[in-house]
Amino acid sequence: MPRTFVWHPGKGPAKTPKQDLPETGSVQIKQVRSEIGHSWRMRLTLEAIGLKHHQDVVVKPITPGLKGQLKQVRHLVEVTVVDAAAKSAKGGK
């Protein structure tokens, strides 16, 4: 029988928009919510992505593994696709 009562109804993902990421390219990931009060698995997922603290930003290439990680913490992060032309104009690597 599933557990229907939740102590903290505000925790966890509400309705988040579907992430339509392209198959290739890079994404900018920004942590917008703190990991405090969330499970150890979510904390380790944020660490694996490379986010060390609240408001931290990383740019990563899109992989199937990264898509799965982003799905697990979609309520804690904000994901934007990085345009290759904008990246080269800024002098990025």
C-alpha atoms as a PDB file:
ATOM      1  CA  MET A   1       0.000   0.000   0.000  1.00  0.00           C
ATOM      2  CA  PRO A   2       1.504   3.356  -0.959  1.00  0.00           C
ATOM      3  CA  ARG A   3       2.161   5.945   1.655  1.00  0.00           C
ATOM      4  CA  THR A   4      -0.153   8.877   1.063  1.00  0.00           C
ATOM      5  CA  PHE A   5       0.575  11.043   4.100  1.00  0.00           C
ATOM      6  CA  VAL A   6       3.617  13.298   3.743  1.00  0.00           C
ATOM      7  CA  TRP A   7       5.066  15.327   6.601  1.00  0.00           C
ATOM      8  CA  HIS A   8       6.459  18.033   4.362  1.00  0.00           C
ATOM      9  CA  PRO A   9       4.149  18.526   1.379  1.00  0.00           C
ATOM     10  CA  GLY A  10       6.261  21.474   0.153  1.00  0.00           C
ATOM     11  CA  LYS A  11       9.388  19.343  -0.296  1.00  0.00           C
ATOM     12  CA  GLY A  12      10.132  17.615  -3.550  1.00  0.00           C
ATOM     13  CA  PRO A  13       9.084  18.331  -7.106  1.00  0.00           C
ATOM     14  CA  ALA A  14       5.735  19.957  -7.708  1.00  0.00           C
ATOM     15  CA  LYS A  15       4.830  20.140 -11.367  1.00  0.00           C
ATOM     16  CA  THR A  16       8.011  20.912 -13.218  1.00  0.00           C
ATOM     17  CA  PRO A  17       8.099  21.502 -16.961  1.00  0.00           C
ATOM     18  CA  LYS A  18       9.437  18.693 -19.124  1.00  0.00           C
ATOM     19  CA  GLN A  19      13.083  19.179 -19.997  1.00  0.00           C
ATOM     20  CA  ASP A  20      13.409  19.039 -23.760  1.00  0.00           C
ATOM     21  CA  LEU A  21      17.182  18.880 -24.060  1.00  0.00           C
ATOM     22  CA  PRO A  22      18.884  18.316 -27.414  1.00  0.00           C
ATOM     23  CA  GLU A  23      20.869  15.130 -27.995  1.00  0.00           C
ATOM     24  CA  THR A  24      24.192  16.981 -28.272  1.00  0.00           C
ATOM     25  CA  GLY A  25      25.617  20.254 -27.027  1.00  0.00           C
ATOM     26  CA  SER A  26      26.103  21.730 -23.584  1.00  0.00           C
ATOM     27  CA  VAL A  27      23.841  22.890 -20.783  1.00  0.00           C
ATOM     28  CA  GLN A  28      24.305  25.448 -18.032  1.00  0.00           C
ATOM     29  CA  ILE A  29      23.075  24.104 -14.702  1.00  0.00           C
ATOM     30  CA  LYS A  30      22.354  26.458 -11.803  1.00  0.00           C
ATOM     31  CA  GLN A  31      21.363  25.253  -8.352  1.00  0.00           C
ATOM     32  CA  VAL A  32      18.364  27.374  -7.342  1.00  0.00           C
ATOM     33  CA  ARG A  33      17.276  25.550  -4.186  1.00  0.00           C
ATOM     34  CA  SER A  34      19.315  24.305  -1.258  1.00  0.00           C
ATOM     35  CA  GLU A  35      20.013  20.648  -0.668  1.00  0.00           C
ATOM     36  CA  ILE A  36      19.228  21.058   3.042  1.00  0.00           C
ATOM     37  CA  GLY A  37      16.209  19.011   3.994  1.00  0.00           C
ATOM     38  CA  HIS A  38      16.495  16.687   0.994  1.00  0.00           C
ATOM     39  CA  SER A  39      17.682  13.097   0.898  1.00  0.00           C
ATOM     40  CA  TRP A  40      21.310  12.055   0.831  1.00  0.00           C
ATOM     41  CA  ARG A  41      20.784  10.677  -2.666  1.00  0.00           C
ATOM     42  CA  MET A  42      19.858  14.128  -3.990  1.00  0.00           C
ATOM     43  CA  ARG A  43      22.884  15.634  -2.257  1.00  0.00           C
ATOM     44  CA  LEU A  44      25.176  13.094  -3.883  1.00  0.00           C
ATOM     45  CA  THR A  45      23.540  13.695  -7.261  1.00  0.00           C
ATOM     46  CA  LEU A  46      24.173  17.445  -6.986  1.00  0.00           C
ATOM     47  CA  GLU A  47      27.773  16.719  -6.027  1.00  0.00           C
ATOM     48  CA  ALA A  48      28.165  14.346  -8.981  1.00  0.00           C
ATOM     49  CA  ILE A  49      26.854  17.031 -11.336  1.00  0.00           C
ATOM     50  CA  GLY A  50      29.510  19.384  -9.930  1.00  0.00           C
ATOM     51  CA  LEU A  51      27.334  21.751  -7.896  1.00  0.00           C
ATOM     52  CA  LYS A  52      29.037  22.529  -4.603  1.00  0.00           C
ATOM     53  CA  HIS A  53      26.664  25.067  -3.049  1.00  0.00           C
ATOM     54  CA  HIS A  54      23.477  27.054  -3.522  1.00  0.00           C
ATOM     55  CA  GLN A  55      23.546  29.373  -6.588  1.00  0.00           C
ATOM     56  CA  ASP A  56      26.531  27.484  -8.056  1.00  0.00           C
ATOM     57  CA  VAL A  57      26.689  27.274 -11.867  1.00  0.00           C
ATOM     58  CA  VAL A  58      28.376  24.632 -14.052  1.00  0.00           C
ATOM     59  CA  VAL A  59      28.444  23.994 -17.799  1.00  0.00           C
ATOM     60  CA  LYS A  60      28.407  20.336 -18.833  1.00  0.00           C
ATOM     61  CA  PRO A  61      28.084  18.430 -22.110  1.00  0.00           C
ATOM     62  CA  ILE A  62      24.770  16.639 -22.557  1.00  0.00           C
ATOM     63  CA  THR A  63      24.956  12.888 -21.950  1.00  0.00           C
ATOM     64  CA  PRO A  64      22.263  10.308 -21.176  1.00  0.00           C
ATOM     65  CA  GLY A  65      23.672  10.001 -17.646  1.00  0.00           C
ATOM     66  CA  LEU A  66      23.452  13.746 -17.063  1.00  0.00           C
ATOM     67  CA  LYS A  67      19.843  13.765 -18.296  1.00  0.00           C
ATOM     68  CA  GLY A  68      18.987  11.145 -15.673  1.00  0.00           C
ATOM     69  CA  GLN A  69      20.752  13.087 -12.938  1.00  0.00           C
ATOM     70  CA  LEU A  70      18.920  16.284 -13.889  1.00  0.00           C
ATOM     71  CA  LYS A  71      15.612  14.437 -13.794  1.00  0.00           C
ATOM     72  CA  GLN A  72      16.298  13.330 -10.205  1.00  0.00           C
ATOM     73  CA  VAL A  73      16.998  16.882  -8.960  1.00  0.00           C
ATOM     74  CA  ARG A  74      14.841  18.860 -11.402  1.00  0.00           C
ATOM     75  CA  HIS A  75      13.171  20.781  -8.548  1.00  0.00           C
ATOM     76  CA  LEU A  76      16.552  21.984  -7.222  1.00  0.00           C
ATOM     77  CA  VAL A  77      18.206  23.138 -10.452  1.00  0.00           C
ATOM     78  CA  GLU A  78      17.571  25.400 -13.417  1.00  0.00           C
ATOM     79  CA  VAL A  79      18.819  24.136 -16.782  1.00  0.00           C
ATOM     80  CA  THR A  80      19.464  26.239 -19.886  1.00  0.00           C
ATOM     81  CA  VAL A  81      20.943  25.125 -23.185  1.00  0.00           C
ATOM     82  CA  VAL A  82      24.251  26.829 -23.989  1.00  0.00           C
ATOM     83  CA  ASP A  83      24.506  28.070 -27.554  1.00  0.00           C
ATOM     84  CA  ALA A  84      27.827  27.114 -29.190  1.00  0.00           C
ATOM     85  CA  ALA A  85      28.115  30.525 -30.872  1.00  0.00           C
ATOM     86  CA  ALA A  86      27.591  32.373 -27.582  1.00  0.00           C
ATOM     87  CA  LYS A  87      30.101  30.146 -25.845  1.00  0.00           C
ATOM     88  CA  SER A  88      32.825  30.873 -28.427  1.00  0.00           C
ATOM     89  CA  ALA A  89      32.035  34.620 -28.416  1.00  0.00           C
ATOM     90  CA  LYS A  90      32.633  34.767 -24.656  1.00  0.00           C
ATOM     91  CA  GLY A  91      35.988  33.086 -25.114  1.00  0.00           C
ATOM     92  CA  GLY A  92      34.904  29.832 -23.497  1.00  0.00           C
ATOM     93  CA  LYS A  93      36.857  26.614 -23.759  1.00  0.00           C
END
